[in-house]
Amino acid sequence: MDTLLDILNDVRLATILEDTTTRGRAKATYKLEEMSDEEDSIIKALGVKDLQNNRLKFKGVGVYN
């Protein structure tokens, strides 16, 4: 179990901010960083490979709260 948690700890989600041509907030795109084959197979098996594209949103909860 410790090994699995160590592997999952190495999986990282990057936020890419892009300037917009209009006024307002920058557009944020989320992508998983490059992973080893082992990390990739575990993420696929858990079914969370594309979770960043359909992120869960909880009212009042954010990344930097």
PDB file of N, CA and C in Angstrom:
ATOM      1  N   MET A   1       0.830  -1.196   0.000  1.00  0.00           N
ATOM      2  CA  MET A   1       0.000   0.000   0.000  1.00  0.00           C
ATOM      3  C   MET A   1       0.872   1.258   0.000  1.00  0.00           C
ATOM      4  N   ASP A   2       1.971   1.237   0.746  1.00  0.00           N
ATOM      5  CA  ASP A   2       2.857   2.405   0.771  1.00  0.00           C
ATOM      6  C   ASP A   2       3.415   2.692  -0.616  1.00  0.00           C
ATOM      7  N   THR A   3       3.752   1.645  -1.354  1.00  0.00           N
ATOM      8  CA  THR A   3       4.302   1.840  -2.693  1.00  0.00           C
ATOM      9  C   THR A   3       3.276   2.496  -3.608  1.00  0.00           C
ATOM     10  N   LEU A   4       2.029   2.056  -3.536  1.00  0.00           N
ATOM     11  CA  LEU A   4       0.973   2.651  -4.354  1.00  0.00           C
ATOM     12  C   LEU A   4       0.807   4.131  -4.027  1.00  0.00           C
ATOM     13  N   LEU A   5       0.793   4.461  -2.758  1.00  0.00           N
ATOM     14  CA  LEU A   5       0.652   5.864  -2.354  1.00  0.00           C
ATOM     15  C   LEU A   5       1.855   6.687  -2.786  1.00  0.00           C
ATOM     16  N   ASP A   6       3.044   6.109  -2.735  1.00  0.00           N
ATOM     17  CA  ASP A   6       4.243   6.814  -3.194  1.00  0.00           C
ATOM     18  C   ASP A   6       4.160   7.103  -4.694  1.00  0.00           C
ATOM     19  N   ILE A   7       3.675   6.127  -5.449  1.00  0.00           N
ATOM     20  CA  ILE A   7       3.537   6.320  -6.897  1.00  0.00           C
ATOM     21  C   ILE A   7       2.507   7.404  -7.188  1.00  0.00           C
ATOM     22  N   LEU A   8       1.362   7.347  -6.515  1.00  0.00           N
ATOM     23  CA  LEU A   8       0.317   8.349  -6.732  1.00  0.00           C
ATOM     24  C   LEU A   8       0.772   9.739  -6.303  1.00  0.00           C
ATOM     25  N   ASN A   9       1.643   9.804  -5.330  1.00  0.00           N
ATOM     26  CA  ASN A   9       2.167  11.087  -4.862  1.00  0.00           C
ATOM     27  C   ASN A   9       3.001  11.780  -5.942  1.00  0.00           C
ATOM     28  N   ASP A  10       3.565  11.002  -6.865  1.00  0.00           N
ATOM     29  CA  ASP A  10       4.393  11.566  -7.927  1.00  0.00           C
ATOM     30  C   ASP A  10       3.581  12.080  -9.115  1.00  0.00           C
ATOM     31  N   VAL A  11       2.288  11.778  -9.158  1.00  0.00           N
ATOM     32  CA  VAL A  11       1.432  12.250 -10.249  1.00  0.00           C
ATOM     33  C   VAL A  11       1.045  13.695  -9.952  1.00  0.00           C
ATOM     34  N   ARG A  12       1.285  14.570 -10.936  1.00  0.00           N
ATOM     35  CA  ARG A  12       1.046  15.995 -10.703  1.00  0.00           C
ATOM     36  C   ARG A  12       0.164  16.580 -11.794  1.00  0.00           C
ATOM     37  N   LEU A  13      -0.676  17.509 -11.383  1.00  0.00           N
ATOM     38  CA  LEU A  13      -1.561  18.222 -12.298  1.00  0.00           C
ATOM     39  C   LEU A  13      -1.019  19.635 -12.475  1.00  0.00           C
ATOM     40  N   ALA A  14      -0.779  20.019 -13.722  1.00  0.00           N
ATOM     41  CA  ALA A  14      -0.259  21.351 -14.019  1.00  0.00           C
ATOM     42  C   ALA A  14      -1.396  22.264 -14.459  1.00  0.00           C
ATOM     43  N   THR A  15      -1.304  23.527 -14.079  1.00  0.00           N
ATOM     44  CA  THR A  15      -2.259  24.538 -14.519  1.00  0.00           C
ATOM     45  C   THR A  15      -1.543  25.467 -15.487  1.00  0.00           C
ATOM     46  N   ILE A  16      -2.093  25.598 -16.685  1.00  0.00           N
ATOM     47  CA  ILE A  16      -1.507  26.457 -17.706  1.00  0.00           C
ATOM     48  C   ILE A  16      -2.444  27.645 -17.887  1.00  0.00           C
ATOM     49  N   LEU A  17      -1.923  28.845 -17.636  1.00  0.00           N
ATOM     50  CA  LEU A  17      -2.727  30.065 -17.775  1.00  0.00           C
ATOM     51  C   LEU A  17      -2.435  30.715 -19.115  1.00  0.00           C
ATOM     52  N   GLU A  18      -3.494  31.072 -19.830  1.00  0.00           N
ATOM     53  CA  GLU A  18      -3.356  31.702 -21.139  1.00  0.00           C
ATOM     54  C   GLU A  18      -3.997  33.082 -21.097  1.00  0.00           C
ATOM     55  N   ASP A  19      -3.323  34.054 -21.706  1.00  0.00           N
ATOM     56  CA  ASP A  19      -3.899  35.395 -21.813  1.00  0.00           C
ATOM     57  C   ASP A  19      -5.128  35.351 -22.706  1.00  0.00           C
ATOM     58  N   THR A  20      -6.079  36.175 -22.368  1.00  0.00           N
ATOM     59  CA  THR A  20      -7.268  36.288 -23.209  1.00  0.00           C
ATOM     60  C   THR A  20      -7.157  37.547 -24.046  1.00  0.00           C
ATOM     61  N   THR A  21      -7.845  37.564 -25.162  1.00  0.00           N
ATOM     62  CA  THR A  21      -7.805  38.750 -26.026  1.00  0.00           C
ATOM     63  C   THR A  21      -8.764  39.823 -25.531  1.00  0.00           C
ATOM     64  N   THR A  22      -9.656  39.444 -24.644  1.00  0.00           N
ATOM     65  CA  THR A  22     -10.599  40.402 -24.076  1.00  0.00           C
ATOM     66  C   THR A  22     -10.277  40.597 -22.602  1.00  0.00           C
ATOM     67  N   ARG A  23     -10.936  41.543 -21.997  1.00  0.00           N
ATOM     68  CA  ARG A  23     -10.727  41.781 -20.574  1.00  0.00           C
ATOM     69  C   ARG A  23     -11.303  40.627 -19.774  1.00  0.00           C
ATOM     70  N   GLY A  24     -10.759  40.438 -18.617  1.00  0.00           N
ATOM     71  CA  GLY A  24     -11.291  39.395 -17.753  1.00  0.00           C
ATOM     72  C   GLY A  24     -10.206  38.441 -17.296  1.00  0.00           C
ATOM     73  N   ARG A  25     -10.656  37.355 -16.764  1.00  0.00           N
ATOM     74  CA  ARG A  25      -9.740  36.383 -16.182  1.00  0.00           C
ATOM     75  C   ARG A  25      -9.004  35.597 -17.258  1.00  0.00           C
ATOM     76  N   ALA A  26      -7.808  35.165 -16.914  1.00  0.00           N
ATOM     77  CA  ALA A  26      -7.035  34.329 -17.824  1.00  0.00           C
ATOM     78  C   ALA A  26      -7.683  32.952 -17.916  1.00  0.00           C
ATOM     79  N   LYS A  27      -7.531  32.314 -19.061  1.00  0.00           N
ATOM     80  CA  LYS A  27      -8.089  30.981 -19.257  1.00  0.00           C
ATOM     81  C   LYS A  27      -7.140  29.963 -18.634  1.00  0.00           C
ATOM     82  N   ALA A  28      -7.679  29.075 -17.817  1.00  0.00           N
ATOM     83  CA  ALA A  28      -6.879  28.045 -17.163  1.00  0.00           C
ATOM     84  C   ALA A  28      -7.138  26.701 -17.825  1.00  0.00           C
ATOM     85  N   THR A  29      -6.050  26.023 -18.187  1.00  0.00           N
ATOM     86  CA  THR A  29      -6.122  24.678 -18.745  1.00  0.00           C
ATOM     87  C   THR A  29      -5.357  23.759 -17.806  1.00  0.00           C
ATOM     88  N   TYR A  30      -5.921  22.601 -17.524  1.00  0.00           N
ATOM     89  CA  TYR A  30      -5.301  21.656 -16.601  1.00  0.00           C
ATOM     90  C   TYR A  30      -4.836  20.430 -17.366  1.00  0.00           C
ATOM     91  N   LYS A  31      -3.582  20.026 -17.124  1.00  0.00           N
ATOM     92  CA  LYS A  31      -3.023  18.849 -17.793  1.00  0.00           C
ATOM     93  C   LYS A  31      -2.171  18.066 -16.805  1.00  0.00           C
ATOM     94  N   LEU A  32      -2.218  16.752 -16.942  1.00  0.00           N
ATOM     95  CA  LEU A  32      -1.335  15.915 -16.146  1.00  0.00           C
ATOM     96  C   LEU A  32       0.070  16.029 -16.706  1.00  0.00           C
ATOM     97  N   GLU A  33       1.050  16.110 -15.817  1.00  0.00           N
ATOM     98  CA  GLU A  33       2.432  16.149 -16.268  1.00  0.00           C
ATOM     99  C   GLU A  33       2.823  14.776 -16.799  1.00  0.00           C
ATOM    100  N   GLU A  34       3.950  14.709 -17.485  1.00  0.00           N
ATOM    101  CA  GLU A  34       4.418  13.433 -18.018  1.00  0.00           C
ATOM    102  C   GLU A  34       4.596  12.440 -16.879  1.00  0.00           C
ATOM    103  N   MET A  35       4.220  11.185 -17.161  1.00  0.00           N
ATOM    104  CA  MET A  35       4.280  10.140 -16.142  1.00  0.00           C
ATOM    105  C   MET A  35       5.057   8.946 -16.670  1.00  0.00           C
ATOM    106  N   SER A  36       5.527   8.136 -15.741  1.00  0.00           N
ATOM    107  CA  SER A  36       6.144   6.873 -16.124  1.00  0.00           C
ATOM    108  C   SER A  36       5.045   5.925 -16.598  1.00  0.00           C
ATOM    109  N   ASP A  37       5.427   4.847 -17.254  1.00  0.00           N
ATOM    110  CA  ASP A  37       4.444   3.862 -17.718  1.00  0.00           C
ATOM    111  C   ASP A  37       3.675   3.263 -16.549  1.00  0.00           C
ATOM    112  N   GLU A  38       4.362   3.050 -15.435  1.00  0.00           N
ATOM    113  CA  GLU A  38       3.720   2.481 -14.243  1.00  0.00           C
ATOM    114  C   GLU A  38       2.664   3.439 -13.682  1.00  0.00           C
ATOM    115  N   GLU A  39       3.026   4.715 -13.571  1.00  0.00           N
ATOM    116  CA  GLU A  39       2.074   5.717 -13.080  1.00  0.00           C
ATOM    117  C   GLU A  39       0.874   5.828 -14.018  1.00  0.00           C
ATOM    118  N   ASP A  40       1.148   5.826 -15.317  1.00  0.00           N
ATOM    119  CA  ASP A  40       0.082   5.942 -16.303  1.00  0.00           C
ATOM    120  C   ASP A  40      -0.888   4.767 -16.220  1.00  0.00           C
ATOM    121  N   SER A  41      -0.373   3.561 -16.068  1.00  0.00           N
ATOM    122  CA  SER A  41      -1.258   2.394 -15.995  1.00  0.00           C
ATOM    123  C   SER A  41      -2.107   2.414 -14.725  1.00  0.00           C
ATOM    124  N   ILE A  42      -1.559   2.883 -13.617  1.00  0.00           N
ATOM    125  CA  ILE A  42      -2.329   2.970 -12.368  1.00  0.00           C
ATOM    126  C   ILE A  42      -3.420   4.027 -12.493  1.00  0.00           C
ATOM    127  N   ILE A  43      -3.086   5.177 -13.067  1.00  0.00           N
ATOM    128  CA  ILE A  43      -4.065   6.250 -13.244  1.00  0.00           C
ATOM    129  C   ILE A  43      -5.203   5.787 -14.155  1.00  0.00           C
ATOM    130  N   LYS A  44      -4.870   5.067 -15.219  1.00  0.00           N
ATOM    131  CA  LYS A  44      -5.909   4.530 -16.108  1.00  0.00           C
ATOM    132  C   LYS A  44      -6.774   3.511 -15.378  1.00  0.00           C
ATOM    133  N   ALA A  45      -6.149   2.632 -14.589  1.00  0.00           N
ATOM    134  CA  ALA A  45      -6.894   1.597 -13.861  1.00  0.00           C
ATOM    135  C   ALA A  45      -7.848   2.214 -12.841  1.00  0.00           C
ATOM    136  N   LEU A  46      -7.462   3.322 -12.239  1.00  0.00           N
ATOM    137  CA  LEU A  46      -8.322   4.001 -11.266  1.00  0.00           C
ATOM    138  C   LEU A  46      -9.414   4.827 -11.946  1.00  0.00           C
ATOM    139  N   GLY A  47      -9.284   5.018 -13.247  1.00  0.00           N
ATOM    140  CA  GLY A  47     -10.297   5.760 -13.994  1.00  0.00           C
ATOM    141  C   GLY A  47     -10.249   7.260 -13.778  1.00  0.00           C
ATOM    142  N   VAL A  48      -9.078   7.795 -13.473  1.00  0.00           N
ATOM    143  CA  VAL A  48      -8.962   9.233 -13.217  1.00  0.00           C
ATOM    144  C   VAL A  48      -8.050   9.934 -14.223  1.00  0.00           C
ATOM    145  N   LYS A  49      -7.761   9.283 -15.337  1.00  0.00           N
ATOM    146  CA  LYS A  49      -6.852   9.850 -16.334  1.00  0.00           C
ATOM    147  C   LYS A  49      -7.376  11.172 -16.893  1.00  0.00           C
ATOM    148  N   ASP A  50      -8.691  11.292 -17.107  1.00  0.00           N
ATOM    149  CA  ASP A  50      -9.269  12.501 -17.687  1.00  0.00           C
ATOM    150  C   ASP A  50     -10.107  13.281 -16.687  1.00  0.00           C
ATOM    151  N   LEU A  51      -9.918  13.039 -15.421  1.00  0.00           N
ATOM    152  CA  LEU A  51     -10.720  13.693 -14.391  1.00  0.00           C
ATOM    153  C   LEU A  51     -10.547  15.211 -14.406  1.00  0.00           C
ATOM    154  N   GLN A  52      -9.365  15.706 -14.793  1.00  0.00           N
ATOM    155  CA  GLN A  52      -9.127  17.149 -14.794  1.00  0.00           C
ATOM    156  C   GLN A  52      -9.989  17.863 -15.827  1.00  0.00           C
ATOM    157  N   ASN A  53     -10.472  17.149 -16.849  1.00  0.00           N
ATOM    158  CA  ASN A  53     -11.327  17.766 -17.868  1.00  0.00           C
ATOM    159  C   ASN A  53     -12.748  17.983 -17.367  1.00  0.00           C
ATOM    160  N   ASN A  54     -13.174  17.218 -16.395  1.00  0.00           N
ATOM    161  CA  ASN A  54     -14.514  17.331 -15.808  1.00  0.00           C
ATOM    162  C   ASN A  54     -14.380  17.410 -14.292  1.00  0.00           C
ATOM    163  N   ARG A  55     -13.697  18.441 -13.844  1.00  0.00           N
ATOM    164  CA  ARG A  55     -13.390  18.563 -12.420  1.00  0.00           C
ATOM    165  C   ARG A  55     -14.640  18.726 -11.580  1.00  0.00           C
ATOM    166  N   LEU A  56     -14.620  18.091 -10.419  1.00  0.00           N
ATOM    167  CA  LEU A  56     -15.705  18.247  -9.464  1.00  0.00           C
ATOM    168  C   LEU A  56     -15.606  19.628  -8.830  1.00  0.00           C
ATOM    169  N   LYS A  57     -16.733  20.269  -8.602  1.00  0.00           N
ATOM    170  CA  LYS A  57     -16.733  21.595  -7.985  1.00  0.00           C
ATOM    171  C   LYS A  57     -17.591  21.554  -6.736  1.00  0.00           C
ATOM    172  N   PHE A  58     -17.031  22.045  -5.656  1.00  0.00           N
ATOM    173  CA  PHE A  58     -17.728  22.117  -4.389  1.00  0.00           C
ATOM    174  C   PHE A  58     -17.816  23.580  -3.980  1.00  0.00           C
ATOM    175  N   LYS A  59     -18.995  24.035  -3.663  1.00  0.00           N
ATOM    176  CA  LYS A  59     -19.200  25.431  -3.296  1.00  0.00           C
ATOM    177  C   LYS A  59     -18.353  25.776  -2.070  1.00  0.00           C
ATOM    178  N   GLY A  60     -17.571  26.838  -2.177  1.00  0.00           N
ATOM    179  CA  GLY A  60     -16.756  27.301  -1.065  1.00  0.00           C
ATOM    180  C   GLY A  60     -15.429  26.588  -0.907  1.00  0.00           C
ATOM    181  N   VAL A  61     -15.143  25.627  -1.784  1.00  0.00           N
ATOM    182  CA  VAL A  61     -13.888  24.884  -1.689  1.00  0.00           C
ATOM    183  C   VAL A  61     -13.087  25.150  -2.949  1.00  0.00           C
ATOM    184  N   GLY A  62     -11.841  25.564  -2.761  1.00  0.00           N
ATOM    185  CA  GLY A  62     -10.972  25.822  -3.894  1.00  0.00           C
ATOM    186  C   GLY A  62      -9.578  25.309  -3.612  1.00  0.00           C
ATOM    187  N   VAL A  63      -8.731  25.443  -4.595  1.00  0.00           N
ATOM    188  CA  VAL A  63      -7.360  24.966  -4.455  1.00  0.00           C
ATOM    189  C   VAL A  63      -6.609  25.754  -3.394  1.00  0.00           C
ATOM    190  N   TYR A  64      -6.848  27.053  -3.328  1.00  0.00           N
ATOM    191  CA  TYR A  64      -6.058  27.901  -2.442  1.00  0.00           C
ATOM    192  C   TYR A  64      -6.841  28.413  -1.242  1.00  0.00           C
ATOM    193  N   ASN A  65      -7.896  27.727  -0.823  1.00  0.00           N
ATOM    194  CA  ASN A  65      -8.652  28.144   0.374  1.00  0.00           C
ATOM    195  C   ASN A  65      -7.930  27.710   1.620  1.00  0.00           C
TER     196      ASN A  65
END
